[in-house]
C-alpha atoms as a PDB file:
ATOM      1  CA  UNK A   1     -88.732  48.009   3.712  1.00  0.00           C
ATOM      2  CA  UNK A   2     -90.583  45.887   1.113  1.00  0.00           C
ATOM      3  CA  UNK A   3     -92.321  42.676   2.134  1.00  0.00           C
ATOM      4  CA  UNK A   4     -92.002  39.644  -0.116  1.00  0.00           C
ATOM      5  CA  UNK A   5     -94.529  36.810  -0.155  1.00  0.00           C
ATOM      6  CA  UNK A   6     -93.572  33.513  -1.721  1.00  0.00           C
ATOM      7  CA  UNK A   7     -96.054  31.147  -3.305  1.00  0.00           C
ATOM      8  CA  UNK A   8     -96.018  27.472  -2.406  1.00  0.00           C
ATOM      9  CA  UNK A   9     -93.004  25.691  -3.849  1.00  0.00           C
ATOM     10  CA  UNK A  10     -93.232  22.561  -5.979  1.00  0.00           C
ATOM     11  CA  UNK A  11     -93.837  19.501  -3.759  1.00  0.00           C
ATOM     12  CA  UNK A  12     -93.240  21.541  -0.592  1.00  0.00           C
ATOM     13  CA  UNK A  13     -96.227  19.856   1.075  1.00  0.00           C
ATOM     14  CA  UNK A  14     -94.789  16.305   0.765  1.00  0.00           C
ATOM     15  CA  UNK A  15     -93.438  14.765   3.966  1.00  0.00           C
ATOM     16  CA  UNK A  16     -92.813  11.341   2.394  1.00  0.00           C
ATOM     17  CA  UNK A  17     -93.845   9.368  -0.671  1.00  0.00           C
ATOM     18  CA  UNK A  18     -93.352   5.894  -2.165  1.00  0.00           C
ATOM     19  CA  UNK A  19     -90.042   4.915  -3.756  1.00  0.00           C
ATOM     20  CA  UNK A  20     -89.490   5.602  -7.420  1.00  0.00           C
ATOM     21  CA  UNK A  21     -92.176   8.265  -7.587  1.00  0.00           C
ATOM     22  CA  UNK A  22     -94.875   5.556  -7.404  1.00  0.00           C
ATOM     23  CA  UNK A  23     -97.038   8.128  -5.614  1.00  0.00           C
ATOM     24  CA  UNK A  24     -97.204  10.373  -8.682  1.00  0.00           C
ATOM     25  CA  UNK A  25     -99.409  10.461 -11.771  1.00  0.00           C
ATOM     26  CA  UNK A  26     -99.709  12.654 -14.825  1.00  0.00           C
ATOM     27  CA  UNK A  27    -103.036  14.232 -15.689  1.00  0.00           C
ATOM     28  CA  UNK A  28    -104.769  17.114 -17.393  1.00  0.00           C
ATOM     29  CA  UNK A  29    -105.830  20.178 -15.448  1.00  0.00           C
ATOM     30  CA  UNK A  30    -109.095  21.491 -16.909  1.00  0.00           C
ATOM     31  CA  UNK A  31    -109.048  24.970 -18.412  1.00  0.00           C
ATOM     32  CA  UNK A  32    -110.234  28.001 -16.469  1.00  0.00           C
ATOM     33  CA  UNK A  33    -108.107  27.385 -13.375  1.00  0.00           C
ATOM     34  CA  UNK A  34    -104.878  28.794 -11.977  1.00  0.00           C
ATOM     35  CA  UNK A  35    -103.933  26.527  -9.072  1.00  0.00           C
ATOM     36  CA  UNK A  36    -101.112  26.562  -6.535  1.00  0.00           C
ATOM     37  CA  UNK A  37     -98.902  23.639  -5.621  1.00  0.00           C
ATOM     38  CA  UNK A  38    -100.640  21.637  -2.906  1.00  0.00           C
ATOM     39  CA  UNK A  39    -104.191  22.107  -4.212  1.00  0.00           C
ATOM     40  CA  UNK A  40    -106.379  19.065  -3.549  1.00  0.00           C
ATOM     41  CA  UNK A  41    -107.912  17.816  -6.805  1.00  0.00           C
ATOM     42  CA  UNK A  42    -110.905  15.841  -8.031  1.00  0.00           C
ATOM     43  CA  UNK A  43    -111.934  14.583 -11.459  1.00  0.00           C
ATOM     44  CA  UNK A  44    -114.667  16.338 -13.415  1.00  0.00           C
ATOM     45  CA  UNK A  45    -117.177  14.589 -15.685  1.00  0.00           C
ATOM     46  CA  UNK A  46    -114.691  14.707 -18.585  1.00  0.00           C
ATOM     47  CA  UNK A  47    -111.953  12.955 -16.580  1.00  0.00           C
ATOM     48  CA  UNK A  48    -109.901  16.128 -16.158  1.00  0.00           C
ATOM     49  CA  UNK A  49    -108.569  17.466 -12.870  1.00  0.00           C
ATOM     50  CA  UNK A  50    -110.219  20.397 -11.106  1.00  0.00           C
ATOM     51  CA  UNK A  51    -109.889  21.914  -7.632  1.00  0.00           C
ATOM     52  CA  UNK A  52    -111.607  19.756  -5.002  1.00  0.00           C
ATOM     53  CA  UNK A  53    -114.938  21.334  -4.065  1.00  0.00           C
ATOM     54  CA  UNK A  54    -115.913  19.246  -1.037  1.00  0.00           C
ATOM     55  CA  UNK A  55    -119.577  19.342  -2.061  1.00  0.00           C
ATOM     56  CA  UNK A  56    -121.861  16.999  -0.142  1.00  0.00           C
ATOM     57  CA  UNK A  57    -125.310  15.595  -0.787  1.00  0.00           C
ATOM     58  CA  UNK A  58    -128.308  16.042   1.528  1.00  0.00           C
ATOM     59  CA  UNK A  59    -127.101  13.101   3.645  1.00  0.00           C
ATOM     60  CA  UNK A  60    -123.783  14.918   4.210  1.00  0.00           C
ATOM     61  CA  UNK A  61    -121.712  12.511   2.097  1.00  0.00           C
ATOM     62  CA  UNK A  62    -119.128  13.736  -0.399  1.00  0.00           C
ATOM     63  CA  UNK A  63    -120.413  13.821  -3.967  1.00  0.00           C
ATOM     64  CA  UNK A  64    -116.899  13.528  -5.463  1.00  0.00           C
ATOM     65  CA  UNK A  65    -113.816  12.039  -3.839  1.00  0.00           C
ATOM     66  CA  UNK A  66    -110.353  13.594  -3.992  1.00  0.00           C
ATOM     67  CA  UNK A  67    -108.132  12.351  -6.810  1.00  0.00           C
ATOM     68  CA  UNK A  68    -104.860  13.691  -5.411  1.00  0.00           C
ATOM     69  CA  UNK A  69    -102.793  16.808  -4.782  1.00  0.00           C
ATOM     70  CA  UNK A  70    -101.267  19.080  -7.427  1.00  0.00           C
ATOM     71  CA  UNK A  71     -97.468  18.809  -7.337  1.00  0.00           C
ATOM     72  CA  UNK A  72     -96.603  22.264  -8.698  1.00  0.00           C
ATOM     73  CA  UNK A  73     -98.435  25.458  -9.612  1.00  0.00           C
ATOM     74  CA  UNK A  74    -100.249  25.222 -12.962  1.00  0.00           C
ATOM     75  CA  UNK A  75    -101.947  28.016 -14.888  1.00  0.00           C
ATOM     76  CA  UNK A  76    -104.699  26.551 -17.062  1.00  0.00           C
ATOM     77  CA  UNK A  77    -106.543  29.866 -17.373  1.00  0.00           C
ATOM     78  CA  UNK A  78    -106.532  29.814 -21.153  1.00  0.00           C
ATOM     79  CA  UNK A  79    -106.640  26.068 -21.861  1.00  0.00           C
ATOM     80  CA  UNK A  80    -106.112  22.568 -20.511  1.00  0.00           C
ATOM     81  CA  UNK A  81    -102.607  21.929 -19.163  1.00  0.00           C
ATOM     82  CA  UNK A  82    -100.681  18.750 -18.444  1.00  0.00           C
ATOM     83  CA  UNK A  83     -99.719  18.366 -14.809  1.00  0.00           C
ATOM     84  CA  UNK A  84     -98.300  15.971 -12.224  1.00  0.00           C
ATOM     85  CA  UNK A  85    -100.009  15.167  -8.959  1.00  0.00           C
ATOM     86  CA  UNK A  86     -99.680  12.967  -5.894  1.00  0.00           C
ATOM     87  CA  UNK A  87    -102.256  10.219  -6.413  1.00  0.00           C
ATOM     88  CA  UNK A  88    -101.429   7.658  -3.708  1.00  0.00           C
ATOM     89  CA  UNK A  89     -99.260   6.497  -0.837  1.00  0.00           C
ATOM     90  CA  UNK A  90     -97.805   9.654   0.650  1.00  0.00           C
ATOM     91  CA  UNK A  91     -97.705  11.715   3.825  1.00  0.00           C
ATOM     92  CA  UNK A  92     -98.418  15.417   3.396  1.00  0.00           C
ATOM     93  CA  UNK A  93     -98.427  18.557   5.535  1.00  0.00           C
ATOM     94  CA  UNK A  94    -102.075  19.580   5.951  1.00  0.00           C
ATOM     95  CA  UNK A  95    -101.067  23.198   6.621  1.00  0.00           C
ATOM     96  CA  UNK A  96     -99.562  23.465   3.131  1.00  0.00           C
ATOM     97  CA  UNK A  97    -102.612  22.127   1.261  1.00  0.00           C
ATOM     98  CA  UNK A  98    -105.329  24.154  -0.443  1.00  0.00           C
ATOM     99  CA  UNK A  99    -108.813  22.707  -0.009  1.00  0.00           C
ATOM    100  CA  UNK A 100    -112.346  24.044   0.557  1.00  0.00           C
ATOM    101  CA  UNK A 101    -112.731  26.424   3.489  1.00  0.00           C
ATOM    102  CA  UNK A 102    -115.009  25.467   6.348  1.00  0.00           C
ATOM    103  CA  UNK A 103    -118.586  26.480   5.628  1.00  0.00           C
ATOM    104  CA  UNK A 104    -121.300  27.203   8.159  1.00  0.00           C
ATOM    105  CA  UNK A 105    -122.220  23.509   8.096  1.00  0.00           C
ATOM    106  CA  UNK A 106    -118.544  22.605   8.599  1.00  0.00           C
ATOM    107  CA  UNK A 107    -116.790  19.309   7.911  1.00  0.00           C
ATOM    108  CA  UNK A 108    -114.823  20.320   4.802  1.00  0.00           C
ATOM    109  CA  UNK A 109    -111.420  19.721   6.415  1.00  0.00           C
ATOM    110  CA  UNK A 110    -112.472  16.363   7.877  1.00  0.00           C
ATOM    111  CA  UNK A 111    -114.035  15.308   4.556  1.00  0.00           C
ATOM    112  CA  UNK A 112    -110.900  16.302   2.638  1.00  0.00           C
ATOM    113  CA  UNK A 113    -108.642  14.362   5.025  1.00  0.00           C
ATOM    114  CA  UNK A 114    -110.920  11.298   4.842  1.00  0.00           C
ATOM    115  CA  UNK A 115    -111.089  11.447   1.038  1.00  0.00           C
ATOM    116  CA  UNK A 116    -107.289  11.661   0.742  1.00  0.00           C
ATOM    117  CA  UNK A 117    -106.924   8.774   3.188  1.00  0.00           C
ATOM    118  CA  UNK A 118    -108.873   6.547   0.760  1.00  0.00           C
ATOM    119  CA  UNK A 119    -105.960   7.121  -1.675  1.00  0.00           C
ATOM    120  CA  UNK A 120    -103.379   6.265   0.959  1.00  0.00           C
ATOM    121  CA  UNK A 121    -102.482   9.932   1.346  1.00  0.00           C
ATOM    122  CA  UNK A 122    -102.172  10.781   5.038  1.00  0.00           C
ATOM    123  CA  UNK A 123    -102.500  14.457   5.988  1.00  0.00           C
ATOM    124  CA  UNK A 124    -100.430  15.377   9.047  1.00  0.00           C
ATOM    125  CA  UNK A 125    -100.747  18.577  11.121  1.00  0.00           C
END
């Protein structure tokens, strides 16, 4: 019997958000990426959205903060693509988000949660 695997659905990770879609923004996903719904994002030097990398400096502080969470899957493999993302004031299911995996040093999950919290996005287990 065949096994089917579904990708993340659009906005599946949202538990609640502000009225009137105040939580959402439009942006540009930088080319060279194919990201799933629920991917945590940051801005690159050109002001375009890229997958959150969770990189820290030698003091252990995040170099870039999260900018939000991609609302639906977007394939920008061959060029920049317009997209919508959760930018503020929402509750989300942490288990449905895509963010950097824990490294040997650790702290990526905690840093991601803290960075989202600065936007008013609360990640729930």
